[in-house]
Protein backbone atom coordinates (compact mmCIF):
# COMPACT_ATOMS: atom_id res chain seq x y z
CA MET A 1 0.00 0.00 0.00
CA ARG A 2 1.09 3.63 -0.76
CA HIS A 3 0.78 5.14 2.71
CA GLY A 4 2.49 8.54 2.94
CA LYS A 5 3.67 8.51 -0.67
CA LYS A 6 2.36 11.86 -1.96
CA ILE A 7 4.89 12.36 -4.77
CA ALA A 8 3.97 11.03 -8.21
CA HIS A 9 7.19 9.40 -9.40
CA LEU A 10 5.96 9.23 -13.01
CA GLY A 11 8.32 6.33 -13.72
CA ARG A 12 11.40 8.56 -13.48
CA THR A 13 14.25 9.21 -11.14
CA SER A 14 14.36 12.24 -8.89
CA SER A 15 16.79 14.26 -11.06
CA HIS A 16 14.92 13.34 -14.26
CA ARG A 17 11.60 14.28 -12.68
CA LYS A 18 12.89 17.69 -11.48
CA ALA A 19 14.33 18.49 -14.91
CA MET A 20 11.08 17.47 -16.61
CA MET A 21 8.96 19.60 -14.23
CA ALA A 22 11.26 22.60 -14.79
CA ASN A 23 11.01 22.19 -18.56
CA MET A 24 7.21 21.79 -18.51
CA ALA A 25 6.77 24.77 -16.17
CA SER A 26 8.92 26.97 -18.43
CA SER A 27 6.85 25.89 -21.45
CA LEU A 28 3.63 26.65 -19.57
CA ILE A 29 4.87 30.12 -18.59
CA GLU A 30 5.98 30.87 -22.15
CA HIS A 31 2.99 29.48 -24.11
CA LYS A 32 0.31 29.83 -21.36
CA ARG A 33 -1.06 26.31 -22.14
CA ILE A 34 0.41 22.92 -22.98
CA ASN A 35 -0.90 19.40 -23.72
CA THR A 36 0.37 16.45 -21.70
CA THR A 37 -0.89 13.40 -19.85
CA VAL A 38 -3.28 13.78 -16.94
CA ALA A 39 -0.73 12.47 -14.42
CA LYS A 40 1.95 14.91 -15.56
CA ALA A 41 -0.55 17.79 -15.62
CA LYS A 42 -1.54 17.12 -11.98
CA ALA A 43 2.11 16.94 -10.94
CA LEU A 44 2.89 20.15 -12.84
CA LYS A 45 -0.02 21.93 -11.14
CA LYS A 46 1.49 21.19 -7.70
CA PHE A 47 4.91 22.27 -8.94
CA VAL A 48 4.15 25.56 -10.69
CA GLU A 49 1.44 27.16 -8.51
CA PRO A 50 3.72 27.79 -5.49
CA LEU A 51 6.19 29.46 -7.87
CA ILE A 52 3.45 31.78 -9.19
CA THR A 53 2.54 32.68 -5.61
CA LYS A 54 6.16 33.63 -4.93
CA ALA A 55 6.20 35.77 -8.08
CA LYS A 56 3.55 38.06 -6.57
CA SER A 57 6.19 39.66 -4.33
CA ASP A 58 9.08 40.72 -6.54
CA THR A 59 12.15 40.37 -4.33
CA THR A 60 15.65 39.12 -5.01
CA HIS A 61 15.19 36.14 -2.70
CA ASN A 62 11.98 35.05 -4.45
CA ARG A 63 13.62 35.40 -7.87
CA ARG A 64 16.49 33.17 -6.77
CA VAL A 65 14.12 30.55 -5.33
CA VAL A 66 12.07 30.48 -8.54
CA PHE A 67 15.19 30.36 -10.71
CA SER A 68 16.52 27.36 -8.75
CA ALA A 69 13.29 25.53 -9.62
CA LEU A 70 12.83 26.65 -13.25
CA ARG A 71 16.49 26.94 -14.32
CA ASN A 72 15.47 29.38 -17.09
CA LYS A 73 16.08 33.12 -16.70
CA TYR A 74 13.68 34.02 -19.53
CA ALA A 75 10.85 32.10 -17.88
CA VAL A 76 11.64 33.79 -14.56
CA SER A 77 11.51 37.28 -16.08
CA GLU A 78 8.23 36.43 -17.88
CA LEU A 79 6.74 35.09 -14.65
CA PHE A 80 7.64 38.14 -12.54
CA ARG A 81 6.82 40.71 -15.25
CA ASP A 82 3.62 39.59 -17.02
CA ILE A 83 2.02 36.71 -15.16
CA ALA A 84 2.42 38.24 -11.71
CA ASP A 85 0.44 41.32 -12.77
CA ARG A 86 -2.42 39.23 -14.15
CA VAL A 87 -2.76 36.96 -11.10
CA ALA A 88 -2.23 39.67 -8.49
CA ASP A 89 -5.88 39.57 -7.33
CA ARG A 90 -6.32 35.78 -7.54
CA PRO A 91 -5.83 33.89 -4.25
CA GLY A 92 -4.56 30.61 -5.69
CA GLY A 93 -5.90 28.31 -8.39
CA TYR A 94 -3.81 29.80 -11.18
CA THR A 95 -4.04 26.80 -13.53
CA ARG A 96 -6.86 24.77 -15.09
CA ILE A 97 -6.74 21.14 -16.25
CA ILE A 98 -9.09 20.10 -19.07
CA LYS A 99 -9.17 16.48 -20.23
CA VAL A 100 -9.02 16.10 -24.02
CA GLY A 101 -9.44 12.36 -24.54
CA SER A 102 -6.97 9.55 -25.10
CA ARG A 103 -3.70 9.42 -27.01
CA MET A 104 -3.36 7.32 -30.12
CA GLY A 105 -1.05 4.35 -29.65
CA ASP A 106 -0.92 3.71 -25.91
CA ASN A 107 -4.41 5.09 -25.11
CA ALA A 108 -3.03 7.34 -22.36
CA SER A 109 -5.50 9.90 -21.01
CA MET A 110 -4.46 13.36 -22.20
CA ALA A 111 -5.17 16.79 -20.75
CA MET A 112 -4.54 20.45 -21.43
CA ILE A 113 -3.18 22.57 -18.58
CA GLU A 114 -3.44 26.33 -18.94
CA LEU A 115 -3.15 29.54 -16.96
CA VAL A 116 -6.65 30.69 -15.96
CA ASP A 117 -6.13 34.43 -16.48
CA PHE A 118 -4.80 34.07 -20.03
CA ASN A 119 -7.85 32.32 -21.53
CA VAL A 120 -9.94 34.94 -23.35
CA THR A 121 -12.86 32.53 -23.80
CA TYR A 122 -13.51 32.17 -20.07
CA VAL A 123 -12.19 35.51 -18.79
CA THR A 124 -14.73 38.30 -19.32
CA ASN A 125 -15.06 41.72 -17.75
CA LYS A 126 -18.84 41.74 -17.96
CA PRO A 127 -20.61 42.57 -14.68
CA ALA A 128 -22.55 39.78 -13.03
CA LYS A 129 -26.23 39.82 -13.85
CA LYS A 130 -28.67 40.23 -10.99
CA ARG A 131 -31.07 37.39 -10.60
CA SER A 132 -34.69 38.43 -10.53
CA ARG A 133 -37.07 36.39 -8.43
CA ARG A 134 -40.61 35.90 -9.57
CA ARG A 135 -43.24 36.47 -6.94
CA LEU A 136 -46.77 35.15 -7.03
CA VAL A 137 -49.22 38.04 -7.32
CA SER A 138 -52.87 37.66 -6.35
CA LYS A 139 -55.58 38.33 -8.91
CA LYS A 140 -56.84 41.39 -7.04
CA LYS A 141 -53.41 42.99 -7.04
CA ALA A 142 -52.95 42.14 -10.70
CA ASP A 143 -56.33 43.68 -11.58
CA ALA A 144 -55.55 46.79 -9.56
CA ALA A 145 -52.22 47.10 -11.32
CA THR A 146 -53.85 46.79 -14.76
CA VAL A 147 -56.48 49.39 -13.81
CA ALA A 148 -53.78 51.79 -12.63
CA ILE A 149 -51.81 51.30 -15.84
CA ALA A 150 -54.94 51.91 -17.94
CA ALA A 151 -55.74 55.08 -15.96
CA GLU A 152 -52.21 56.39 -16.49
CA ALA A 153 -52.51 55.66 -20.21
CA ASN A 154 -55.83 57.52 -20.39
CA GLU A 155 -54.34 60.50 -18.56
CA GLU A 156 -51.47 60.61 -20.99
CA LEU A 157 -53.87 60.48 -23.93
CA ASP A 158 -55.96 63.33 -22.44
CA GLU A 159 -52.87 65.44 -21.94
CA ASP A 160 -51.80 64.82 -25.52
CA PHE A 161 -55.28 65.79 -26.77
CA VAL A 162 -55.26 69.02 -24.75
CA ASP A 163 -51.80 69.90 -26.03
CA ASN A 164 -52.91 69.32 -29.61
CA GLU A 165 -55.99 71.53 -29.15
CA LEU A 166 -53.90 74.30 -27.63
CA THR A 167 -51.44 74.17 -30.49
CA LYS A 168 -54.30 74.35 -32.99
CA GLU A 169 -55.78 77.43 -31.25
CA VAL A 170 -52.40 79.13 -31.17
CA ASN A 171 -51.89 78.44 -34.86
CA GLU A 172 -55.34 79.83 -35.71
CA GLU A 173 -54.70 83.00 -33.69
CA THR A 174 -51.39 83.55 -35.39
CA SER A 175 -52.97 83.04 -38.81
CA THR A 176 -55.76 85.59 -38.03
CA THR A 177 -53.26 88.14 -36.76
CA ASP A 178 -51.14 87.70 -39.89
CA ALA A 179 -54.20 88.21 -42.13
CA ALA A 180 -55.21 91.38 -40.25
CA ALA A 181 -51.71 92.76 -40.53
CA LYS A 182 -51.66 92.13 -44.29
CA LYS A 183 -55.05 93.89 -44.70
CA SER A 184 -53.85 96.94 -42.75
CA GLU A 185 -50.75 97.11 -44.94
CA LYS A 186 -52.91 97.04 -48.07
CA VAL A 187 -55.19 99.79 -46.67
CA GLU A 188 -52.18 101.98 -45.89
CA GLU A 189 -50.74 101.46 -49.36
CA ALA A 190 -54.05 102.38 -51.15
CA PRO A 191 -54.26 106.10 -50.02
CA VAL A 192 -50.67 106.65 -50.99
CA GLU A 193 -51.38 105.39 -54.48
CA GLU A 194 -54.52 107.63 -54.71
CA VAL A 195 -52.53 110.71 -53.66
CA LYS A 196 -49.93 109.91 -56.29
CA SER A 197 -52.60 109.56 -58.99
CA GLU A 198 -54.23 112.88 -57.95
CA LYS A 199 -50.90 114.68 -58.11
CA GLU A 200 -50.23 113.26 -61.56
CA GLU A 201 -53.69 114.36 -62.78
CA GLY A 202 -53.17 117.94 -61.39
CA ALA A 203 -49.80 118.18 -63.09
CA ALA A 204 -51.36 117.06 -66.41
CA GLU A 205 -54.11 119.67 -66.09
CA ASP A 206 -51.59 122.44 -65.31
CA SER A 207 -49.53 121.49 -68.32
CA SER A 208 -52.61 121.51 -70.61
CA THR A 209 -53.73 124.98 -69.33
CA SER A 210 -50.25 126.41 -69.80
CA ALA A 211 -50.19 125.07 -73.36
CA ASP A 212 -53.57 126.74 -74.13
CA GLN A 213 -52.39 130.07 -72.74
CA THR A 214 -49.25 129.96 -74.87
CA GLU A 215 -51.31 129.27 -77.97
CA GLN A 216 -53.64 132.23 -77.19
CA ASN A 217 -50.69 134.53 -76.65
CA ASP A 218 -49.17 133.46 -79.97
CA GLU A 219 -52.40 134.15 -81.82
CA GLU A 220 -52.76 137.63 -80.22
CA SER A 221 -49.19 138.49 -81.14
CA LYS A 222 -49.81 137.44 -84.74
CA GLU A 223 -52.97 139.58 -84.97
CA ASN A 224 -51.13 142.61 -83.56
CA ALA A 225 -48.37 142.17 -86.10
CA ALA A 226 -50.88 141.99 -88.98
CA GLU A 227 -52.53 145.24 -87.92
């Protein structure tokens, strides 16, 4: 029986197992998800999550501890720079294991392990919807509610009717005032035209009388000359 044996040996020696975990953790940090067997994914989850927790506090000691486990300076810099910012508010559970079926050949159960905060499909910034509870309403309350709604609708219709009538009255008043103003303008223009016509007629009469007088004077002068 396996009492007290918590480490999954994975059919490898201790040094081989540590090197494999370091390599898989570096690949996970670089690519954000990898495919492997279910047993290796579970072992990697236990190996990499404490390192991500240490990356939350960026100190020289934590960088050295993480580097001793990963043995890859590029993975360490990626972990402390990008991943630590994403998982700053998450209290553990940084990875997700999804089973993807069996492998061709040996029929080993396969899985995909990924970082939770780097999956766009599952991570959304939408606010949580509030759940609305349906309450049983009695018939009397429902009838009263319908009556109140109908009364409000009728009031709104009455108000609209009154507003339309007022607008019609205002438009009629404005039209009557405009017509009266036009008539007054025409009345004022008519006397001016009559005065002009009278002046023109008086001028014509004066010119005709002056012409007659000149003709008479000419005739008298001719008669005097003949005498």
